Amino acid sequence: MLENPAISIAENVLHFKAQGHGAKGDNVYEFHLEFLDLVKPEPVYKLTQRQVNITVQKKVSQWWERLTKQEKRPLFLAPDFDRWLDESDAEMELRAKEEERLNKLRMESQGSPETLINLKKGYLFMYNLVQFLGFSWMFVNMTVRFFILGKESFYDTFHTIADMMYFCQMLAVVESINAAIGVTKSPVIPSVIQLFGRNFILFIIFGTMEEMQNKAVVFFVFYMWSTIEIFRYPYYMLCCIDMDWKVLTWLRYTVWIPLYPLGCLAEAVSVIQSIPVFNETGRFSFTLPYPMEIHVRFSFFLQVYLIMLFLGLYINFRHLYKQRRRHYGQKKKKIH
């Protein structure tokens, strides 16, 4: 066993001297190694009962033909084949380290998966928050005006609420895009059906016909839409931050049962009321070119839309029912 070894590097030569007890008793062990190329003059060693491990670093990281300047290897110097690398192994190791470094830089530039997930959650949280605030404002506004003005508030709902409804429904396009590109797991078809149906009522039936804007049906359409969304959007907000408020979850999967059919009924009433208005004004009607020369009224498309409206009601109602059953369906009893 060696005691207090003296290890140093001077002029690129490793000097080693130590007192030790070996097979021949106490002796002084000493050797010198002149390295093939420049090394750092700060050796690091670790002393154990059986050996001394000395670590010397090269000044320049490059391949050496041999360790020492003298061509003949000293008799006491033996390679550690467990840690031995030939030139090809060294190149592979350097290449692997370089690839690892490049991959790390690429990941930092593109963003780690965890960072991307947090960005997506933040984006969805803000989107649902904006929609919740918009529909909440409309719901509160219509409710307060109804308690103050009574039935009189029905007839100017469009002029009071329309700007905010335009904003929220145009922003709802983002919801369908998110479903289409996979940002959310929502099915695309129900989302597109709802988006198309609401925007058709808002922009075509109400938006283009001033005669429809003063009708009471506008209040009921807008009120049904807002009531549904003030429960749906905060539920999605809490999902973004991994929170589950059981009361809100129950409302999100329950209030649509009466409100969704009532909303579709109000939309159907608005379409039926608009048919004579479109016939009288002739708006969006057209005549087919010669030789057919058939006059096609827009009311024909409205009648077709009524059929599509109730078909869309069936598709979305079926989708919402499946969602509710998935959350609150009866659990199968275990068979013992």
Protein backbone atom coordinates (compact mmCIF):
# COMPACT_ATOMS: atom_id res chain seq x y z
CA MET A 1 0.00 0.00 0.00
CA LEU A 2 1.33 3.42 -0.98
CA GLU A 3 1.42 6.37 1.35
CA ASN A 4 1.50 10.10 0.48
CA PRO A 5 2.55 9.79 -3.17
CA ALA A 6 4.34 12.77 -4.73
CA ILE A 7 2.88 13.26 -8.22
CA SER A 8 3.67 16.25 -10.42
CA ILE A 9 4.10 17.27 -14.06
CA ALA A 10 7.01 19.44 -15.09
CA GLU A 11 8.14 20.15 -18.67
CA ASN A 12 5.58 17.66 -19.96
CA VAL A 13 7.06 14.86 -17.81
CA LEU A 14 5.07 13.04 -15.14
CA HIS A 15 7.11 12.49 -11.95
CA PHE A 16 5.92 9.86 -9.49
CA LYS A 17 7.45 8.95 -6.12
CA ALA A 18 5.89 7.16 -3.16
CA GLN A 19 6.71 5.01 -0.15
CA GLY A 20 4.87 1.71 -0.22
CA HIS A 21 4.67 -1.75 1.26
CA GLY A 22 4.76 -4.54 -1.30
CA ALA A 23 5.75 -8.19 -1.64
CA LYS A 24 9.40 -7.27 -0.87
CA GLY A 25 8.59 -5.10 2.12
CA ASP A 26 8.82 -1.32 2.35
CA ASN A 27 10.26 0.31 -0.77
CA VAL A 28 10.33 3.60 -2.60
CA TYR A 29 8.49 3.42 -5.91
CA GLU A 30 9.48 5.97 -8.52
CA PHE A 31 9.06 6.50 -12.28
CA HIS A 32 8.98 9.24 -14.94
CA LEU A 33 6.85 9.45 -18.10
CA GLU A 34 7.50 11.93 -20.88
CA PHE A 35 4.24 12.35 -22.83
CA LEU A 36 4.08 12.35 -26.62
CA ASP A 37 2.37 15.75 -26.74
CA LEU A 38 1.52 18.59 -24.39
CA VAL A 39 -0.62 17.86 -21.33
CA LYS A 40 -2.11 20.02 -18.60
CA PRO A 41 0.25 20.32 -15.60
CA GLU A 42 -2.44 19.48 -13.01
CA PRO A 43 -2.68 15.70 -12.56
CA VAL A 44 -5.53 14.26 -10.50
CA TYR A 45 -5.05 11.00 -8.65
CA LYS A 46 -7.10 8.64 -6.53
CA LEU A 47 -5.37 6.39 -3.97
CA THR A 48 -6.77 2.95 -3.17
CA GLN A 49 -5.38 -0.01 -1.20
CA ARG A 50 -4.12 -1.72 -4.33
CA GLN A 51 -3.31 1.07 -6.80
CA VAL A 52 -3.05 4.72 -7.68
CA ASN A 53 -5.30 6.02 -10.48
CA ILE A 54 -3.73 9.07 -12.14
CA THR A 55 -5.75 11.21 -14.57
CA VAL A 56 -3.89 13.54 -16.94
CA GLN A 57 -5.67 15.72 -19.49
CA LYS A 58 -4.36 16.62 -22.93
CA LYS A 59 -3.98 20.30 -23.73
CA VAL A 60 -5.47 19.73 -27.19
CA SER A 61 -8.15 17.09 -27.74
CA GLN A 62 -6.68 15.03 -30.58
CA TRP A 63 -5.62 11.49 -31.40
CA TRP A 64 -2.14 10.33 -30.23
CA GLU A 65 -0.22 7.52 -31.85
CA ARG A 66 1.06 6.46 -28.44
CA LEU A 67 1.16 7.73 -24.88
CA THR A 68 4.88 8.41 -24.35
CA LYS A 69 7.54 10.09 -26.41
CA GLN A 70 9.77 7.02 -26.39
CA GLU A 71 8.59 4.48 -28.90
CA LYS A 72 9.13 1.49 -26.66
CA ARG A 73 6.48 1.14 -23.98
CA PRO A 74 7.85 0.98 -20.39
CA LEU A 75 7.54 -2.46 -18.82
CA PHE A 76 5.55 -1.21 -15.84
CA LEU A 77 3.01 0.56 -18.11
CA ALA A 78 0.03 -1.61 -19.12
CA PRO A 79 -3.11 -0.46 -20.99
CA ASP A 80 -6.55 -0.69 -19.37
CA PHE A 81 -8.47 -2.49 -22.12
CA ASP A 82 -11.83 -1.85 -20.40
CA ARG A 83 -11.36 1.85 -21.16
CA TRP A 84 -9.23 1.47 -24.29
CA LEU A 85 -10.31 3.30 -27.45
CA ASP A 86 -8.70 2.97 -30.83
CA GLU A 87 -8.90 5.75 -33.39
CA SER A 88 -12.17 4.58 -34.94
CA ASP A 89 -13.80 4.24 -31.51
CA ALA A 90 -12.65 7.71 -30.57
CA GLU A 91 -14.09 9.16 -33.76
CA MET A 92 -17.41 7.43 -33.11
CA GLU A 93 -17.46 8.76 -29.56
CA LEU A 94 -16.72 12.29 -30.74
CA ARG A 95 -19.37 11.99 -33.44
CA ALA A 96 -21.93 10.77 -30.89
CA LYS A 97 -21.13 13.69 -28.57
CA GLU A 98 -21.45 16.13 -31.47
CA GLU A 99 -24.82 14.67 -32.48
CA GLU A 100 -25.98 14.89 -28.88
CA ARG A 101 -24.91 18.53 -28.73
CA LEU A 102 -26.70 19.32 -32.02
CA ASN A 103 -29.87 17.54 -30.88
CA LYS A 104 -29.81 19.51 -27.66
CA LEU A 105 -29.47 22.77 -29.58
CA ARG A 106 -32.26 21.71 -31.93
CA MET A 107 -34.54 20.88 -29.02
CA GLU A 108 -33.79 24.23 -27.39
CA SER A 109 -34.56 26.10 -30.62
CA GLN A 110 -37.78 24.17 -31.29
CA GLY A 111 -38.87 23.96 -27.68
CA SER A 112 -39.07 20.88 -25.51
CA PRO A 113 -42.27 18.78 -25.57
CA GLU A 114 -43.16 20.01 -22.09
CA THR A 115 -42.79 23.63 -23.21
CA LEU A 116 -45.00 23.03 -26.26
CA ILE A 117 -47.67 21.41 -24.10
CA ASN A 118 -47.63 24.38 -21.70
CA LEU A 119 -47.89 26.81 -24.64
CA LYS A 120 -50.87 24.88 -26.04
CA LYS A 121 -52.59 24.87 -22.65
CA GLY A 122 -51.98 28.60 -22.24
CA TYR A 123 -53.34 29.33 -25.71
CA LEU A 124 -56.49 27.22 -25.16
CA PHE A 125 -57.01 28.72 -21.70
CA MET A 126 -56.91 32.28 -23.09
CA TYR A 127 -59.21 31.39 -26.01
CA ASN A 128 -61.83 29.84 -23.72
CA LEU A 129 -61.50 32.74 -21.27
CA VAL A 130 -62.20 35.32 -24.00
CA GLN A 131 -65.22 33.36 -25.25
CA PHE A 132 -66.52 32.91 -21.70
CA LEU A 133 -66.26 36.64 -20.99
CA GLY A 134 -68.00 37.49 -24.26
CA PHE A 135 -70.94 35.14 -23.81
CA SER A 136 -71.20 36.02 -20.09
CA TRP A 137 -71.48 39.70 -20.98
CA MET A 138 -74.31 38.96 -23.41
CA PHE A 139 -76.11 36.68 -20.95
CA VAL A 140 -75.94 39.22 -18.11
CA ASN A 141 -76.90 42.09 -20.42
CA MET A 142 -80.01 40.33 -21.76
CA THR A 143 -81.02 39.11 -18.28
CA VAL A 144 -80.73 42.55 -16.66
CA ARG A 145 -82.53 44.29 -19.51
CA PHE A 146 -85.35 41.74 -19.35
CA PHE A 147 -85.88 42.36 -15.60
CA ILE A 148 -85.83 46.13 -16.13
CA LEU A 149 -87.74 46.47 -19.41
CA GLY A 150 -89.71 43.25 -19.54
CA LYS A 151 -90.90 42.09 -22.98
CA GLU A 152 -89.86 45.42 -24.51
CA SER A 153 -86.23 44.26 -24.27
CA PHE A 154 -86.94 41.50 -26.82
CA TYR A 155 -87.29 43.85 -29.75
CA ASP A 156 -83.96 45.69 -29.58
CA THR A 157 -81.79 42.71 -28.55
CA PHE A 158 -80.03 42.63 -31.91
CA HIS A 159 -78.97 46.29 -31.80
CA THR A 160 -77.70 45.86 -28.22
CA ILE A 161 -75.96 42.48 -28.46
CA ALA A 162 -75.10 41.94 -32.14
CA ASP A 163 -71.57 43.40 -32.12
CA MET A 164 -70.43 41.10 -29.31
CA MET A 165 -72.21 38.12 -30.87
CA TYR A 166 -70.49 38.83 -34.20
CA PHE A 167 -67.13 38.86 -32.41
CA CYS A 168 -67.71 35.61 -30.49
CA GLN A 169 -69.08 33.74 -33.49
CA MET A 170 -66.23 34.82 -35.75
CA LEU A 171 -63.81 33.74 -33.03
CA ALA A 172 -65.60 30.39 -32.88
CA VAL A 173 -64.01 29.60 -36.26
CA VAL A 174 -60.80 29.00 -34.28
CA GLU A 175 -62.56 26.21 -32.38
CA SER A 176 -63.28 24.28 -35.59
CA ILE A 177 -59.72 24.88 -36.83
CA ASN A 178 -58.31 23.54 -33.53
CA ALA A 179 -60.37 20.37 -33.92
CA ALA A 180 -59.37 19.98 -37.59
CA ILE A 181 -55.59 20.29 -37.02
CA GLY A 182 -55.57 18.23 -33.82
CA VAL A 183 -54.94 20.96 -31.25
CA THR A 184 -58.03 19.69 -29.41
CA LYS A 185 -59.57 16.22 -29.38
CA SER A 186 -63.05 17.51 -30.27
CA PRO A 187 -64.64 15.82 -33.32
CA VAL A 188 -64.64 18.04 -36.39
CA ILE A 189 -68.13 17.39 -37.80
CA PRO A 190 -70.22 18.47 -34.75
CA SER A 191 -68.03 21.55 -34.35
CA VAL A 192 -68.44 22.56 -38.01
CA ILE A 193 -72.21 21.89 -37.95
CA GLN A 194 -72.68 24.18 -34.95
CA LEU A 195 -70.42 26.86 -36.41
CA PHE A 196 -72.17 26.84 -39.80
CA GLY A 197 -75.67 26.76 -38.27
CA ARG A 198 -75.14 29.65 -35.88
CA ASN A 199 -73.30 31.82 -38.38
CA PHE A 200 -75.99 31.21 -41.01
CA ILE A 201 -78.65 32.44 -38.57
CA LEU A 202 -76.54 35.37 -37.35
CA PHE A 203 -75.04 36.67 -40.59
CA ILE A 204 -77.71 35.70 -43.17
CA ILE A 205 -81.07 35.59 -41.39
CA PHE A 206 -80.49 38.40 -38.90
CA GLY A 207 -77.52 40.30 -40.32
CA THR A 208 -78.81 40.93 -43.85
CA MET A 209 -82.51 41.54 -43.09
CA GLU A 210 -83.37 44.60 -41.01
CA GLU A 211 -86.97 43.34 -40.79
CA MET A 212 -85.71 40.34 -38.76
CA GLN A 213 -83.58 42.39 -36.39
CA ASN A 214 -86.57 43.80 -34.50
CA LYS A 215 -88.30 40.47 -33.87
CA ALA A 216 -88.53 38.86 -30.44
CA VAL A 217 -87.07 35.59 -31.72
CA VAL A 218 -83.62 37.22 -31.77
CA PHE A 219 -83.69 37.41 -27.97
CA PHE A 220 -84.49 33.72 -27.58
CA VAL A 221 -81.84 32.61 -30.09
CA PHE A 222 -79.12 34.72 -28.48
CA TYR A 223 -80.20 33.79 -24.95
CA MET A 224 -80.09 30.05 -25.66
CA TRP A 225 -76.65 30.31 -27.27
CA SER A 226 -75.24 32.35 -24.39
CA THR A 227 -76.70 30.13 -21.67
CA ILE A 228 -75.09 27.03 -23.16
CA GLU A 229 -71.68 28.66 -23.59
CA ILE A 230 -71.36 30.18 -20.10
CA PHE A 231 -71.07 26.61 -18.80
CA ARG A 232 -69.12 25.07 -21.65
CA TYR A 233 -66.20 27.51 -21.91
CA PRO A 234 -65.30 27.69 -18.19
CA TYR A 235 -65.33 23.88 -18.11
CA TYR A 236 -62.72 23.84 -20.89
CA MET A 237 -60.74 26.52 -19.06
CA LEU A 238 -60.45 24.35 -15.97
CA CYS A 239 -59.48 21.36 -18.13
CA CYS A 240 -56.51 23.39 -19.43
CA ILE A 241 -55.15 23.71 -15.89
CA ASP A 242 -56.08 20.13 -14.92
CA MET A 243 -58.86 21.14 -12.53
CA ASP A 244 -62.20 19.39 -12.11
CA TRP A 245 -65.08 21.27 -10.48
CA LYS A 246 -67.79 18.63 -10.22
CA VAL A 247 -70.70 21.10 -10.20
CA LEU A 248 -69.47 22.81 -13.36
CA THR A 249 -68.75 19.45 -15.02
CA TRP A 250 -72.29 18.28 -14.28
CA LEU A 251 -73.76 21.52 -15.66
CA ARG A 252 -71.61 21.32 -18.80
CA TYR A 253 -72.87 17.79 -19.54
CA THR A 254 -76.48 18.38 -18.46
CA VAL A 255 -77.81 21.87 -19.33
CA TRP A 256 -77.61 21.14 -23.05
CA ILE A 257 -80.40 18.54 -22.70
CA PRO A 258 -83.18 21.17 -22.51
CA LEU A 259 -81.28 24.14 -23.94
CA TYR A 260 -79.93 22.64 -27.16
CA PRO A 261 -83.36 21.57 -28.54
CA LEU A 262 -84.85 24.90 -27.42
CA GLY A 263 -82.06 26.75 -29.21
CA CYS A 264 -82.64 24.78 -32.42
CA LEU A 265 -86.37 25.44 -32.11
CA ALA A 266 -85.72 29.19 -31.79
CA GLU A 267 -83.42 29.03 -34.85
CA ALA A 268 -86.12 27.19 -36.82
CA VAL A 269 -88.70 29.83 -35.85
CA SER A 270 -86.37 32.58 -37.07
CA VAL A 271 -85.94 30.81 -40.43
CA ILE A 272 -89.70 30.29 -40.82
CA GLN A 273 -90.35 33.97 -40.00
CA SER A 274 -87.73 35.06 -42.52
CA ILE A 275 -89.17 33.11 -45.47
CA PRO A 276 -91.95 35.61 -46.31
CA VAL A 277 -89.50 38.49 -45.78
CA PHE A 278 -87.03 37.03 -48.30
CA ASN A 279 -89.89 36.31 -50.74
CA GLU A 280 -91.15 39.86 -50.46
CA THR A 281 -87.76 41.54 -50.87
CA GLY A 282 -86.38 39.04 -53.38
CA ARG A 283 -82.99 39.16 -51.70
CA PHE A 284 -80.60 36.37 -52.71
CA SER A 285 -83.12 35.11 -55.28
CA PHE A 286 -81.89 34.61 -58.84
CA THR A 287 -82.95 33.47 -62.31
CA LEU A 288 -81.20 30.63 -64.10
CA PRO A 289 -79.65 31.55 -67.47
CA TYR A 290 -81.26 30.85 -70.84
CA PRO A 291 -82.75 28.46 -71.92
CA MET A 292 -84.02 27.40 -68.47
CA GLU A 293 -84.89 30.90 -67.19
CA ILE A 294 -86.31 29.52 -63.95
CA HIS A 295 -86.65 31.95 -61.07
CA VAL A 296 -85.22 30.42 -57.90
CA ARG A 297 -86.26 31.99 -54.65
CA PHE A 298 -83.96 32.00 -51.67
CA SER A 299 -86.85 30.70 -49.58
CA PHE A 300 -86.36 27.32 -51.32
CA PHE A 301 -82.88 27.07 -49.77
CA LEU A 302 -84.32 28.12 -46.41
CA GLN A 303 -86.77 25.22 -46.54
CA VAL A 304 -83.89 22.87 -47.31
CA TYR A 305 -81.96 24.43 -44.44
CA LEU A 306 -84.81 23.64 -42.03
CA ILE A 307 -84.41 19.95 -42.87
CA MET A 308 -80.62 20.22 -42.40
CA LEU A 309 -81.16 22.06 -39.13
CA PHE A 310 -82.99 19.15 -37.53
CA LEU A 311 -80.55 16.67 -39.08
CA GLY A 312 -77.70 18.65 -37.47
CA LEU A 313 -79.69 18.63 -34.20
CA TYR A 314 -79.76 14.83 -34.31
CA ILE A 315 -75.99 14.54 -35.04
CA ASN A 316 -74.95 16.98 -32.32
CA PHE A 317 -77.49 15.66 -29.81
CA ARG A 318 -76.14 12.14 -30.37
CA HIS A 319 -72.55 13.39 -29.93
CA LEU A 320 -73.39 15.26 -26.70
CA TYR A 321 -75.31 12.27 -25.34
CA LYS A 322 -72.27 10.02 -25.92
CA GLN A 323 -70.07 12.52 -24.10
CA ARG A 324 -72.42 12.60 -21.13
CA ARG A 325 -72.74 8.82 -21.01
CA ARG A 326 -68.94 8.55 -21.08
CA HIS A 327 -68.74 10.73 -17.95
CA TYR A 328 -71.85 9.65 -16.06
CA GLY A 329 -72.75 6.27 -17.56
CA GLN A 330 -73.48 3.39 -15.21
CA LYS A 331 -70.38 1.48 -14.24
CA LYS A 332 -70.38 -2.20 -15.06
CA LYS A 333 -70.66 -4.41 -12.00
CA LYS A 334 -67.73 -6.71 -11.39
CA ILE A 335 -68.47 -10.44 -11.57
CA HIS A 336 -66.96 -12.23 -8.60
